[in-house]
PDB file of N, CA and C in Angstrom:
ATOM      1  N   MET A   1      21.454  12.386  55.002  1.00  0.00           N
ATOM      2  CA  MET A   1      22.594  12.068  54.116  1.00  0.00           C
ATOM      3  C   MET A   1      23.765  12.119  55.114  1.00  0.00           C
ATOM      4  N   ASP A   2      24.580  11.057  54.928  1.00  0.00           N
ATOM      5  CA  ASP A   2      25.770  10.888  55.717  1.00  0.00           C
ATOM      6  C   ASP A   2      26.904  11.788  55.218  1.00  0.00           C
ATOM      7  N   THR A   3      27.696  12.264  56.228  1.00  0.00           N
ATOM      8  CA  THR A   3      28.767  12.925  55.837  1.00  0.00           C
ATOM      9  C   THR A   3      29.962  12.140  55.406  1.00  0.00           C
ATOM     10  N   GLN A   4      30.996  12.673  54.700  1.00  0.00           N
ATOM     11  CA  GLN A   4      32.167  11.965  54.266  1.00  0.00           C
ATOM     12  C   GLN A   4      32.823  11.376  55.502  1.00  0.00           C
ATOM     13  N   ARG A   5      32.903  12.089  56.582  1.00  0.00           N
ATOM     14  CA  ARG A   5      33.531  11.504  57.739  1.00  0.00           C
ATOM     15  C   ARG A   5      32.879  10.305  58.283  1.00  0.00           C
ATOM     16  N   GLN A   6      31.542  10.361  58.388  1.00  0.00           N
ATOM     17  CA  GLN A   6      30.633   9.219  58.901  1.00  0.00           C
ATOM     18  C   GLN A   6      30.885   7.986  58.008  1.00  0.00           C
ATOM     19  N   ILE A   7      30.955   8.293  56.713  1.00  0.00           N
ATOM     20  CA  ILE A   7      31.036   7.161  55.706  1.00  0.00           C
ATOM     21  C   ILE A   7      32.469   6.496  55.833  1.00  0.00           C
ATOM     22  N   ARG A   8      33.457   7.387  55.968  1.00  0.00           N
ATOM     23  CA  ARG A   8      34.850   6.854  56.162  1.00  0.00           C
ATOM     24  C   ARG A   8      35.045   6.150  57.428  1.00  0.00           C
ATOM     25  N   PHE A   9      34.579   6.569  58.540  1.00  0.00           N
ATOM     26  CA  PHE A   9      34.599   5.915  59.761  1.00  0.00           C
ATOM     27  C   PHE A   9      33.910   4.722  59.829  1.00  0.00           C
ATOM     28  N   GLY A  10      32.723   4.688  59.212  1.00  0.00           N
ATOM     29  CA  GLY A  10      31.841   3.469  59.082  1.00  0.00           C
ATOM     30  C   GLY A  10      32.615   2.372  58.327  1.00  0.00           C
ATOM     31  N   GLU A  11      33.248   2.711  57.202  1.00  0.00           N
ATOM     32  CA  GLU A  11      34.134   1.811  56.471  1.00  0.00           C
ATOM     33  C   GLU A  11      35.134   1.257  57.353  1.00  0.00           C
ATOM     34  N   LEU A  12      35.924   2.096  58.024  1.00  0.00           N
ATOM     35  CA  LEU A  12      36.965   1.646  58.848  1.00  0.00           C
ATOM     36  C   LEU A  12      36.514   0.620  60.013  1.00  0.00           C
ATOM     37  N   ILE A  13      35.431   0.891  60.590  1.00  0.00           N
ATOM     38  CA  ILE A  13      34.971   0.021  61.600  1.00  0.00           C
ATOM     39  C   ILE A  13      34.435  -1.194  61.023  1.00  0.00           C
ATOM     40  N   ARG A  14      33.806  -1.067  59.849  1.00  0.00           N
ATOM     41  CA  ARG A  14      33.279  -2.489  59.057  1.00  0.00           C
ATOM     42  C   ARG A  14      34.402  -3.358  58.879  1.00  0.00           C
ATOM     43  N   SER A  15      35.609  -2.772  58.486  1.00  0.00           N
ATOM     44  CA  SER A  15      36.851  -3.583  58.134  1.00  0.00           C
ATOM     45  C   SER A  15      37.418  -4.239  59.355  1.00  0.00           C
ATOM     46  N   ILE A  16      37.288  -3.328  60.527  1.00  0.00           N
ATOM     47  CA  ILE A  16      38.024  -3.890  61.737  1.00  0.00           C
ATOM     48  C   ILE A  16      37.083  -4.946  62.319  1.00  0.00           C
ATOM     49  N   ILE A  17      35.631  -4.837  62.174  1.00  0.00           N
ATOM     50  CA  ILE A  17      34.753  -5.896  62.765  1.00  0.00           C
ATOM     51  C   ILE A  17      34.969  -7.173  61.832  1.00  0.00           C
ATOM     52  N   SER A  18      35.110  -6.971  60.568  1.00  0.00           N
ATOM     53  CA  SER A  18      35.309  -8.108  59.697  1.00  0.00           C
ATOM     54  C   SER A  18      36.693  -8.820  60.111  1.00  0.00           C
ATOM     55  N   ASP A  19      37.700  -8.114  60.335  1.00  0.00           N
ATOM     56  CA  ASP A  19      38.919  -8.779  60.839  1.00  0.00           C
ATOM     57  C   ASP A  19      38.725  -9.466  62.167  1.00  0.00           C
ATOM     58  N   CYS A  20      37.957  -8.921  63.152  1.00  0.00           N
ATOM     59  CA  CYS A  20      37.692  -9.538  64.323  1.00  0.00           C
ATOM     60  C   CYS A  20      36.989 -10.755  64.232  1.00  0.00           C
ATOM     61  N   LEU A  21      35.962 -10.846  63.223  1.00  0.00           N
ATOM     62  CA  LEU A  21      35.152 -12.059  62.973  1.00  0.00           C
ATOM     63  C   LEU A  21      36.073 -13.137  62.477  1.00  0.00           C
ATOM     64  N   LEU A  22      37.152 -12.965  61.725  1.00  0.00           N
ATOM     65  CA  LEU A  22      38.137 -13.711  61.131  1.00  0.00           C
ATOM     66  C   LEU A  22      39.048 -14.213  62.039  1.00  0.00           C
ATOM     67  N   LYS A  23      39.652 -13.320  63.045  1.00  0.00           N
ATOM     68  CA  LYS A  23      40.666 -13.671  63.863  1.00  0.00           C
ATOM     69  C   LYS A  23      40.341 -14.138  65.337  1.00  0.00           C
ATOM     70  N   GLU A  24      39.195 -13.637  65.706  1.00  0.00           N
ATOM     71  CA  GLU A  24      38.874 -13.829  67.202  1.00  0.00           C
ATOM     72  C   GLU A  24      38.179 -15.263  67.266  1.00  0.00           C
ATOM     73  N   ASP A  25      38.393 -15.968  68.470  1.00  0.00           N
ATOM     74  CA  ASP A  25      37.651 -17.141  68.739  1.00  0.00           C
ATOM     75  C   ASP A  25      36.439 -16.807  69.764  1.00  0.00           C
ATOM     76  N   PHE A  26      35.324 -17.073  69.335  1.00  0.00           N
ATOM     77  CA  PHE A  26      34.007 -16.812  70.066  1.00  0.00           C
ATOM     78  C   PHE A  26      33.792 -17.840  71.089  1.00  0.00           C
ATOM     79  N   TYR A  27      34.285 -19.110  70.972  1.00  0.00           N
ATOM     80  CA  TYR A  27      34.068 -20.247  71.751  1.00  0.00           C
ATOM     81  C   TYR A  27      32.474 -20.509  71.769  1.00  0.00           C
ATOM     82  N   ASN A  28      31.945 -20.455  70.462  1.00  0.00           N
ATOM     83  CA  ASN A  28      30.463 -20.705  70.297  1.00  0.00           C
ATOM     84  C   ASN A  28      30.329 -21.299  68.991  1.00  0.00           C
ATOM     85  N   ASP A  29      29.789 -22.454  68.908  1.00  0.00           N
ATOM     86  CA  ASP A  29      29.575 -23.080  67.623  1.00  0.00           C
ATOM     87  C   ASP A  29      28.502 -22.591  66.872  1.00  0.00           C
ATOM     88  N   ASP A  30      27.601 -21.619  67.483  1.00  0.00           N
ATOM     89  CA  ASP A  30      26.479 -20.956  66.744  1.00  0.00           C
ATOM     90  C   ASP A  30      27.105 -19.964  65.904  1.00  0.00           C
ATOM     91  N   ILE A  31      28.166 -19.336  66.312  1.00  0.00           N
ATOM     92  CA  ILE A  31      28.805 -18.259  65.420  1.00  0.00           C
ATOM     93  C   ILE A  31      29.883 -18.837  64.657  1.00  0.00           C
ATOM     94  N   ASN A  32      29.600 -18.983  63.274  1.00  0.00           N
ATOM     95  CA  ASN A  32      30.528 -19.418  62.342  1.00  0.00           C
ATOM     96  C   ASN A  32      30.963 -18.099  61.533  1.00  0.00           C
ATOM     97  N   SER A  33      32.077 -17.492  62.217  1.00  0.00           N
ATOM     98  CA  SER A  33      32.431 -16.209  61.836  1.00  0.00           C
ATOM     99  C   SER A  33      32.947 -16.150  60.324  1.00  0.00           C
ATOM    100  N   SER A  34      33.148 -17.202  59.741  1.00  0.00           N
ATOM    101  CA  SER A  34      33.734 -17.169  58.264  1.00  0.00           C
ATOM    102  C   SER A  34      32.402 -16.991  57.358  1.00  0.00           C
ATOM    103  N   SER A  35      31.310 -17.196  57.990  1.00  0.00           N
ATOM    104  CA  SER A  35      30.107 -17.281  57.057  1.00  0.00           C
ATOM    105  C   SER A  35      29.235 -16.009  57.333  1.00  0.00           C
ATOM    106  N   ILE A  36      29.753 -14.900  57.949  1.00  0.00           N
ATOM    107  CA  ILE A  36      29.016 -13.731  58.369  1.00  0.00           C
ATOM    108  C   ILE A  36      29.572 -12.701  57.381  1.00  0.00           C
ATOM    109  N   THR A  37      28.687 -11.962  56.773  1.00  0.00           N
ATOM    110  CA  THR A  37      28.934 -10.751  55.957  1.00  0.00           C
ATOM    111  C   THR A  37      28.579  -9.426  56.670  1.00  0.00           C
ATOM    112  N   VAL A  38      29.557  -8.562  56.775  1.00  0.00           N
ATOM    113  CA  VAL A  38      29.100  -7.429  57.367  1.00  0.00           C
ATOM    114  C   VAL A  38      28.810  -6.457  56.236  1.00  0.00           C
ATOM    115  N   SER A  39      27.675  -6.046  56.073  1.00  0.00           N
ATOM    116  CA  SER A  39      27.185  -5.332  54.817  1.00  0.00           C
ATOM    117  C   SER A  39      27.747  -3.792  54.932  1.00  0.00           C
ATOM    118  N   PHE A  40      27.338  -3.209  56.002  1.00  0.00           N
ATOM    119  CA  PHE A  40      27.686  -1.811  56.123  1.00  0.00           C
ATOM    120  C   PHE A  40      27.565  -1.323  57.571  1.00  0.00           C
ATOM    121  N   VAL A  41      28.094  -0.295  57.939  1.00  0.00           N
ATOM    122  CA  VAL A  41      28.046   0.311  59.340  1.00  0.00           C
ATOM    123  C   VAL A  41      27.585   1.856  59.185  1.00  0.00           C
ATOM    124  N   LYS A  42      26.509   2.071  59.806  1.00  0.00           N
ATOM    125  CA  LYS A  42      25.911   3.419  59.736  1.00  0.00           C
ATOM    126  C   LYS A  42      26.356   4.017  61.151  1.00  0.00           C
ATOM    127  N   MET A  43      27.032   5.108  60.995  1.00  0.00           N
ATOM    128  CA  MET A  43      27.591   5.879  62.244  1.00  0.00           C
ATOM    129  C   MET A  43      26.641   7.041  62.511  1.00  0.00           C
ATOM    130  N   SER A  44      26.555   7.295  63.696  1.00  0.00           N
ATOM    131  CA  SER A  44      25.784   8.554  64.330  1.00  0.00           C
ATOM    132  C   SER A  44      26.454   9.800  63.886  1.00  0.00           C
ATOM    133  N   LYS A  45      25.887  11.000  64.030  1.00  0.00           N
ATOM    134  CA  LYS A  45      26.580  12.174  63.629  1.00  0.00           C
ATOM    135  C   LYS A  45      27.768  12.439  64.448  1.00  0.00           C
ATOM    136  N   ASP A  46      27.729  12.116  65.840  1.00  0.00           N
ATOM    137  CA  ASP A  46      28.837  12.306  66.656  1.00  0.00           C
ATOM    138  C   ASP A  46      29.879  11.362  66.754  1.00  0.00           C
ATOM    139  N   LEU A  47      29.617  10.311  65.845  1.00  0.00           N
ATOM    140  CA  LEU A  47      30.553   9.073  65.786  1.00  0.00           C
ATOM    141  C   LEU A  47      30.668   8.329  67.192  1.00  0.00           C
ATOM    142  N   LYS A  48      29.700   8.276  68.036  1.00  0.00           N
ATOM    143  CA  LYS A  48      29.710   7.693  69.216  1.00  0.00           C
ATOM    144  C   LYS A  48      28.996   6.332  69.171  1.00  0.00           C
ATOM    145  N   ILE A  49      28.083   6.260  68.035  1.00  0.00           N
ATOM    146  CA  ILE A  49      27.274   4.950  67.932  1.00  0.00           C
ATOM    147  C   ILE A  49      27.510   4.486  66.557  1.00  0.00           C
ATOM    148  N   ALA A  50      27.773   3.142  66.373  1.00  0.00           N
ATOM    149  CA  ALA A  50      27.796   2.435  65.256  1.00  0.00           C
ATOM    150  C   ALA A  50      26.973   1.383  65.151  1.00  0.00           C
ATOM    151  N   ASN A  51      25.982   1.389  64.208  1.00  0.00           N
ATOM    152  CA  ASN A  51      24.950   0.462  63.952  1.00  0.00           C
ATOM    153  C   ASN A  51      25.532  -0.483  62.765  1.00  0.00           C
ATOM    154  N   VAL A  52      25.741  -1.731  63.102  1.00  0.00           N
ATOM    155  CA  VAL A  52      26.403  -2.730  62.292  1.00  0.00           C
ATOM    156  C   VAL A  52      25.417  -3.612  61.776  1.00  0.00           C
ATOM    157  N   TYR A  53      25.300  -3.670  60.345  1.00  0.00           N
ATOM    158  CA  TYR A  53      24.424  -4.443  59.641  1.00  0.00           C
ATOM    159  C   TYR A  53      25.067  -5.638  59.112  1.00  0.00           C
ATOM    160  N   PHE A  54      24.548  -6.897  59.325  1.00  0.00           N
ATOM    161  CA  PHE A  54      25.222  -8.082  58.864  1.00  0.00           C
ATOM    162  C   PHE A  54      24.139  -9.140  58.369  1.00  0.00           C
ATOM    163  N   MET A  55      24.764 -10.118  57.625  1.00  0.00           N
ATOM    164  CA  MET A  55      23.719 -11.252  57.260  1.00  0.00           C
ATOM    165  C   MET A  55      24.594 -12.589  57.267  1.00  0.00           C
ATOM    166  N   PRO A  56      24.143 -13.661  57.901  1.00  0.00           N
ATOM    167  CA  PRO A  56      24.898 -14.827  57.870  1.00  0.00           C
ATOM    168  C   PRO A  56      24.728 -15.372  56.411  1.00  0.00           C
ATOM    169  N   LEU A  57      25.654 -16.143  56.109  1.00  0.00           N
ATOM    170  CA  LEU A  57      25.708 -16.718  54.574  1.00  0.00           C
ATOM    171  C   LEU A  57      24.519 -17.641  54.514  1.00  0.00           C
ATOM    172  N   GLY A  58      23.757 -17.373  53.476  1.00  0.00           N
ATOM    173  CA  GLY A  58      22.606 -18.002  53.241  1.00  0.00           C
ATOM    174  C   GLY A  58      21.396 -17.699  53.998  1.00  0.00           C
ATOM    175  N   GLY A  59      21.499 -16.828  54.999  1.00  0.00           N
ATOM    176  CA  GLY A  59      20.452 -16.263  55.758  1.00  0.00           C
ATOM    177  C   GLY A  59      20.052 -17.372  56.858  1.00  0.00           C
ATOM    178  N   LEU A  60      20.850 -18.276  57.189  1.00  0.00           N
ATOM    179  CA  LEU A  60      20.607 -19.408  58.121  1.00  0.00           C
ATOM    180  C   LEU A  60      20.786 -18.887  59.503  1.00  0.00           C
ATOM    181  N   ASN A  61      19.872 -19.319  60.345  1.00  0.00           N
ATOM    182  CA  ASN A  61      19.982 -19.046  61.842  1.00  0.00           C
ATOM    183  C   ASN A  61      20.172 -17.668  62.028  1.00  0.00           C
ATOM    184  N   LYS A  62      19.507 -16.692  61.385  1.00  0.00           N
ATOM    185  CA  LYS A  62      19.646 -15.223  61.626  1.00  0.00           C
ATOM    186  C   LYS A  62      19.473 -14.848  63.033  1.00  0.00           C
ATOM    187  N   GLU A  63      18.435 -15.163  63.643  1.00  0.00           N
ATOM    188  CA  GLU A  63      18.177 -14.660  64.956  1.00  0.00           C
ATOM    189  C   GLU A  63      19.124 -15.219  65.997  1.00  0.00           C
ATOM    190  N   ILE A  64      19.682 -16.423  65.742  1.00  0.00           N
ATOM    191  CA  ILE A  64      20.551 -17.100  66.748  1.00  0.00           C
ATOM    192  C   ILE A  64      21.893 -16.303  66.580  1.00  0.00           C
ATOM    193  N   VAL A  65      22.277 -16.136  65.466  1.00  0.00           N
ATOM    194  CA  VAL A  65      23.483 -15.374  65.188  1.00  0.00           C
ATOM    195  C   VAL A  65      23.495 -13.880  65.637  1.00  0.00           C
ATOM    196  N   LEU A  66      22.343 -13.328  65.482  1.00  0.00           N
ATOM    197  CA  LEU A  66      22.109 -11.862  65.964  1.00  0.00           C
ATOM    198  C   LEU A  66      22.309 -11.924  67.506  1.00  0.00           C
ATOM    199  N   GLN A  67      21.754 -12.880  68.216  1.00  0.00           N
ATOM    200  CA  GLN A  67      21.604 -12.895  69.623  1.00  0.00           C
ATOM    201  C   GLN A  67      23.045 -13.193  70.196  1.00  0.00           C
ATOM    202  N   ASN A  68      23.742 -14.123  69.483  1.00  0.00           N
ATOM    203  CA  ASN A  68      25.211 -14.286  69.941  1.00  0.00           C
ATOM    204  C   ASN A  68      25.998 -13.256  69.715  1.00  0.00           C
ATOM    205  N   LEU A  69      25.867 -12.450  68.555  1.00  0.00           N
ATOM    206  CA  LEU A  69      26.737 -11.343  68.294  1.00  0.00           C
ATOM    207  C   LEU A  69      26.588 -10.235  69.371  1.00  0.00           C
ATOM    208  N   LYS A  70      25.279 -10.067  69.621  1.00  0.00           N
ATOM    209  CA  LYS A  70      24.857  -9.091  70.798  1.00  0.00           C
ATOM    210  C   LYS A  70      25.414  -9.439  72.160  1.00  0.00           C
ATOM    211  N   ASP A  71      25.455 -10.798  72.402  1.00  0.00           N
ATOM    212  CA  ASP A  71      26.015 -11.313  73.698  1.00  0.00           C
ATOM    213  C   ASP A  71      27.480 -11.063  73.761  1.00  0.00           C
ATOM    214  N   LYS A  72      28.215 -11.284  72.380  1.00  0.00           N
ATOM    215  CA  LYS A  72      29.667 -11.017  72.465  1.00  0.00           C
ATOM    216  C   LYS A  72      30.142  -9.886  72.026  1.00  0.00           C
ATOM    217  N   LYS A  73      29.330  -8.831  72.214  1.00  0.00           N
ATOM    218  CA  LYS A  73      29.568  -7.390  71.724  1.00  0.00           C
ATOM    219  C   LYS A  73      30.912  -6.907  72.489  1.00  0.00           C
ATOM    220  N   TYR A  74      31.203  -7.361  73.616  1.00  0.00           N
ATOM    221  CA  TYR A  74      32.353  -6.851  74.376  1.00  0.00           C
ATOM    222  C   TYR A  74      33.709  -7.197  73.599  1.00  0.00           C
ATOM    223  N   ILE A  75      33.668  -8.462  72.915  1.00  0.00           N
ATOM    224  CA  ILE A  75      34.862  -8.734  72.186  1.00  0.00           C
ATOM    225  C   ILE A  75      35.165  -7.792  71.033  1.00  0.00           C
ATOM    226  N   PHE A  76      34.145  -7.325  70.321  1.00  0.00           N
ATOM    227  CA  PHE A  76      34.271  -6.368  69.235  1.00  0.00           C
ATOM    228  C   PHE A  76      34.664  -4.970  69.792  1.00  0.00           C
ATOM    229  N   GLN A  77      34.011  -4.599  70.971  1.00  0.00           N
ATOM    230  CA  GLN A  77      34.410  -3.308  71.611  1.00  0.00           C
ATOM    231  C   GLN A  77      35.835  -3.361  71.927  1.00  0.00           C
ATOM    232  N   LYS A  78      36.550  -4.529  72.450  1.00  0.00           N
ATOM    233  CA  LYS A  78      37.931  -4.575  72.779  1.00  0.00           C
ATOM    234  C   LYS A  78      38.706  -4.518  71.663  1.00  0.00           C
ATOM    235  N   PHE A  79      38.244  -5.105  70.578  1.00  0.00           N
ATOM    236  CA  PHE A  79      39.044  -5.095  69.428  1.00  0.00           C
ATOM    237  C   PHE A  79      39.146  -3.667  68.704  1.00  0.00           C
ATOM    238  N   LEU A  80      38.022  -2.958  68.806  1.00  0.00           N
ATOM    239  CA  LEU A  80      37.876  -1.616  68.414  1.00  0.00           C
ATOM    240  C   LEU A  80      38.807  -0.682  69.192  1.00  0.00           C
ATOM    241  N   SER A  81      38.814  -0.805  70.508  1.00  0.00           N
ATOM    242  CA  SER A  81      39.618  -0.014  71.258  1.00  0.00           C
ATOM    243  C   SER A  81      41.085  -0.214  71.126  1.00  0.00           C
ATOM    244  N   GLN A  82      41.514  -1.440  70.686  1.00  0.00           N
ATOM    245  CA  GLN A  82      43.004  -1.700  70.436  1.00  0.00           C
ATOM    246  C   GLN A  82      43.364  -1.119  69.063  1.00  0.00           C
ATOM    247  N   ALA A  83      42.433  -0.844  68.269  1.00  0.00           N
ATOM    248  CA  ALA A  83      42.715  -0.435  66.885  1.00  0.00           C
ATOM    249  C   ALA A  83      43.019   1.043  67.002  1.00  0.00           C
ATOM    250  N   LYS A  84      43.728   1.455  66.052  1.00  0.00           N
ATOM    251  CA  LYS A  84      44.170   2.949  65.852  1.00  0.00           C
ATOM    252  C   LYS A  84      43.076   3.745  65.151  1.00  0.00           C
ATOM    253  N   LEU A  85      42.014   4.094  65.921  1.00  0.00           N
ATOM    254  CA  LEU A  85      40.902   4.858  65.314  1.00  0.00           C
ATOM    255  C   LEU A  85      41.241   6.274  65.025  1.00  0.00           C
ATOM    256  N   GLN A  86      42.026   6.903  65.758  1.00  0.00           N
ATOM    257  CA  GLN A  86      42.309   8.291  65.678  1.00  0.00           C
ATOM    258  C   GLN A  86      41.100   9.098  65.945  1.00  0.00           C
ATOM    259  N   SER A  87      40.491   8.601  67.162  1.00  0.00           N
ATOM    260  CA  SER A  87      39.280   9.215  67.711  1.00  0.00           C
ATOM    261  C   SER A  87      39.371   9.243  69.307  1.00  0.00           C
ATOM    262  N   LYS A  88      38.629  10.139  69.860  1.00  0.00           N
ATOM    263  CA  LYS A  88      38.763  10.445  71.261  1.00  0.00           C
ATOM    264  C   LYS A  88      38.183   9.258  72.039  1.00  0.00           C
ATOM    265  N   PHE A  89      37.282   8.552  71.453  1.00  0.00           N
ATOM    266  CA  PHE A  89      36.443   7.464  72.124  1.00  0.00           C
ATOM    267  C   PHE A  89      36.299   6.317  71.060  1.00  0.00           C
ATOM    268  N   THR A  90      35.807   5.181  71.782  1.00  0.00           N
ATOM    269  CA  THR A  90      35.495   3.999  71.035  1.00  0.00           C
ATOM    270  C   THR A  90      33.936   4.024  70.850  1.00  0.00           C
ATOM    271  N   PRO A  91      33.356   3.960  69.582  1.00  0.00           N
ATOM    272  CA  PRO A  91      32.037   3.857  69.355  1.00  0.00           C
ATOM    273  C   PRO A  91      31.273   2.637  70.037  1.00  0.00           C
ATOM    274  N   ARG A  92      30.044   2.896  70.572  1.00  0.00           N
ATOM    275  CA  ARG A  92      29.136   1.716  70.905  1.00  0.00           C
ATOM    276  C   ARG A  92      28.757   1.023  69.805  1.00  0.00           C
ATOM    277  N   LEU A  93      28.751  -0.304  69.879  1.00  0.00           N
ATOM    278  CA  LEU A  93      28.215  -1.064  68.781  1.00  0.00           C
ATOM    279  C   LEU A  93      26.880  -1.658  68.911  1.00  0.00           C
ATOM    280  N   PHE A  94      26.000  -1.639  67.937  1.00  0.00           N
ATOM    281  CA  PHE A  94      24.679  -2.227  67.925  1.00  0.00           C
ATOM    282  C   PHE A  94      24.525  -2.976  66.699  1.00  0.00           C
ATOM    283  N   PHE A  95      24.151  -4.250  66.879  1.00  0.00           N
ATOM    284  CA  PHE A  95      24.012  -5.175  65.737  1.00  0.00           C
ATOM    285  C   PHE A  95      22.678  -5.328  65.121  1.00  0.00           C
ATOM    286  N   TYR A  96      22.476  -5.396  63.827  1.00  0.00           N
ATOM    287  CA  TYR A  96      21.230  -5.456  63.231  1.00  0.00           C
ATOM    288  C   TYR A  96      21.248  -6.407  62.036  1.00  0.00           C
ATOM    289  N   LEU A  97      20.217  -7.134  61.769  1.00  0.00           N
ATOM    290  CA  LEU A  97      20.116  -8.032  60.554  1.00  0.00           C
ATOM    291  C   LEU A  97      19.959  -7.152  59.367  1.00  0.00           C
ATOM    292  N   ASP A  98      20.734  -7.297  58.254  1.00  0.00           N
ATOM    293  CA  ASP A  98      20.589  -6.580  57.092  1.00  0.00           C
ATOM    294  C   ASP A  98      19.539  -7.324  56.179  1.00  0.00           C
ATOM    295  N   ASP A  99      18.445  -6.543  56.074  1.00  0.00           N
ATOM    296  CA  ASP A  99      17.252  -7.166  55.207  1.00  0.00           C
ATOM    297  C   ASP A  99      17.186  -6.685  53.853  1.00  0.00           C
ATOM    298  N   THR A 100      18.205  -6.089  53.345  1.00  0.00           N
ATOM    299  CA  THR A 100      18.309  -5.546  52.037  1.00  0.00           C
ATOM    300  C   THR A 100      18.245  -6.660  50.880  1.00  0.00           C
ATOM    301  N   PHE A 101      18.955  -7.750  51.213  1.00  0.00           N
ATOM    302  CA  PHE A 101      18.853  -8.987  50.419  1.00  0.00           C
ATOM    303  C   PHE A 101      17.426  -9.442  50.258  1.00  0.00           C
ATOM    304  N   ASP A 102      16.703  -9.469  51.459  1.00  0.00           N
ATOM    305  CA  ASP A 102      15.334 -10.081  51.325  1.00  0.00           C
ATOM    306  C   ASP A 102      14.424  -9.091  50.610  1.00  0.00           C
ATOM    307  N   GLU A 103      14.643  -7.866  50.820  1.00  0.00           N
ATOM    308  CA  GLU A 103      13.804  -6.803  50.083  1.00  0.00           C
ATOM    309  C   GLU A 103      14.176  -6.838  48.589  1.00  0.00           C
ATOM    310  N   ALA A 104      15.364  -7.000  48.083  1.00  0.00           N
ATOM    311  CA  ALA A 104      15.688  -7.077  46.788  1.00  0.00           C
ATOM    312  C   ALA A 104      15.183  -8.274  46.112  1.00  0.00           C
ATOM    313  N   GLN A 105      15.183  -9.444  46.808  1.00  0.00           N
ATOM    314  CA  GLN A 105      14.504 -10.682  46.324  1.00  0.00           C
ATOM    315  C   GLN A 105      12.973 -10.527  46.128  1.00  0.00           C
ATOM    316  N   LYS A 106      12.360  -9.899  47.148  1.00  0.00           N
ATOM    317  CA  LYS A 106      10.963  -9.589  47.118  1.00  0.00           C
ATOM    318  C   LYS A 106      10.529  -8.730  45.996  1.00  0.00           C
ATOM    319  N   ILE A 107      11.254  -7.812  45.685  1.00  0.00           N
ATOM    320  CA  ILE A 107      11.113  -6.790  44.545  1.00  0.00           C
ATOM    321  C   ILE A 107      11.198  -7.611  43.122  1.00  0.00           C
ATOM    322  N   GLU A 108      12.412  -8.352  43.077  1.00  0.00           N
ATOM    323  CA  GLU A 108      12.603  -9.004  41.974  1.00  0.00           C
ATOM    324  C   GLU A 108      11.508 -10.127  41.689  1.00  0.00           C
ATOM    325  N   LYS A 109      10.882 -10.739  42.689  1.00  0.00           N
ATOM    326  CA  LYS A 109       9.800 -11.694  42.517  1.00  0.00           C
ATOM    327  C   LYS A 109       8.474 -10.763  42.127  1.00  0.00           C
ATOM    328  N   LEU A 110       8.296  -9.700  42.615  1.00  0.00           N
ATOM    329  CA  LEU A 110       7.101  -8.909  42.200  1.00  0.00           C
ATOM    330  C   LEU A 110       7.295  -8.487  40.713  1.00  0.00           C
ATOM    331  N   LEU A 111       8.555  -8.094  40.242  1.00  0.00           N
ATOM    332  CA  LEU A 111       8.717  -7.730  38.932  1.00  0.00           C
ATOM    333  C   LEU A 111       8.591  -8.800  37.896  1.00  0.00           C
ATOM    334  N   LEU A 112       8.744 -10.044  38.337  1.00  0.00           N
ATOM    335  CA  LEU A 112       8.556 -11.292  37.454  1.00  0.00           C
ATOM    336  C   LEU A 112       7.114 -11.702  37.437  1.00  0.00           C
ATOM    337  N   ASN A 113       6.178 -11.154  38.200  1.00  0.00           N
ATOM    338  CA  ASN A 113       4.789 -11.410  38.133  1.00  0.00           C
ATOM    339  C   ASN A 113       4.226 -11.248  36.738  1.00  0.00           C
ATOM    340  N   LYS A 114       3.414 -12.133  36.197  1.00  0.00           N
ATOM    341  CA  LYS A 114       2.728 -11.959  35.044  1.00  0.00           C
ATOM    342  C   LYS A 114       1.974 -10.668  34.705  1.00  0.00           C
ATOM    343  N   LYS A 115       1.393 -10.103  35.664  1.00  0.00           N
ATOM    344  CA  LYS A 115       0.479  -8.976  35.554  1.00  0.00           C
ATOM    345  C   LYS A 115       1.384  -7.771  35.496  1.00  0.00           C
ATOM    346  N   VAL A 116       2.542  -7.761  36.190  1.00  0.00           N
ATOM    347  CA  VAL A 116       3.456  -6.667  36.214  1.00  0.00           C
ATOM    348  C   VAL A 116       4.282  -6.656  34.844  1.00  0.00           C
ATOM    349  N   LEU A 117       4.641  -7.884  34.338  1.00  0.00           N
ATOM    350  CA  LEU A 117       5.301  -7.948  33.073  1.00  0.00           C
ATOM    351  C   LEU A 117       4.459  -7.551  31.882  1.00  0.00           C
ATOM    352  N   ARG A 118       3.286  -7.778  32.030  1.00  0.00           N
ATOM    353  CA  ARG A 118       2.189  -7.255  30.936  1.00  0.00           C
ATOM    354  C   ARG A 118       2.131  -5.830  30.963  1.00  0.00           C
ATOM    355  N   ASP A 119       2.179  -5.149  32.223  1.00  0.00           N
ATOM    356  CA  ASP A 119       2.013  -3.671  32.272  1.00  0.00           C
ATOM    357  C   ASP A 119       3.366  -3.059  31.814  1.00  0.00           C
ATOM    358  N   ILE A 120       4.375  -3.663  32.041  1.00  0.00           N
ATOM    359  CA  ILE A 120       5.777  -3.092  31.602  1.00  0.00           C
ATOM    360  C   ILE A 120       5.927  -3.084  30.113  1.00  0.00           C
ATOM    361  N   LYS A 121       5.395  -4.222  29.572  1.00  0.00           N
ATOM    362  CA  LYS A 121       5.501  -4.329  28.039  1.00  0.00           C
ATOM    363  C   LYS A 121       4.731  -3.421  27.273  1.00  0.00           C
ATOM    364  N   GLU A 122       3.474  -3.073  27.817  1.00  0.00           N
ATOM    365  CA  GLU A 122       2.584  -2.119  27.187  1.00  0.00           C
ATOM    366  C   GLU A 122       3.004  -0.776  27.570  1.00  0.00           C
TER     367      GLU A 122
END
């Protein structure tokens, strides 16, 4: 279970990264920054590592966007270092695809199965 401090710091970093996606120019056509959703940021206990979970709009080109964000990580690090984080250090960023949307769709599909619907009604 995350502490209040981890959650608060994660939300702050999420908003800073979202601002960076909107304001920064990545000089790359594969990164359409307006179509990337930053779902959540999970912080380590010591707040030195930030795991950033994101999903491109519509789930298109997930792997390409993931690789490009990893390659351009230094832009986000610079943006974080310029922000007033009120912390001794700037956390290291790691980007991951957010698969909760896919999992929710998979569960919904399973629940709409005829056999499952029959079991639920009985």
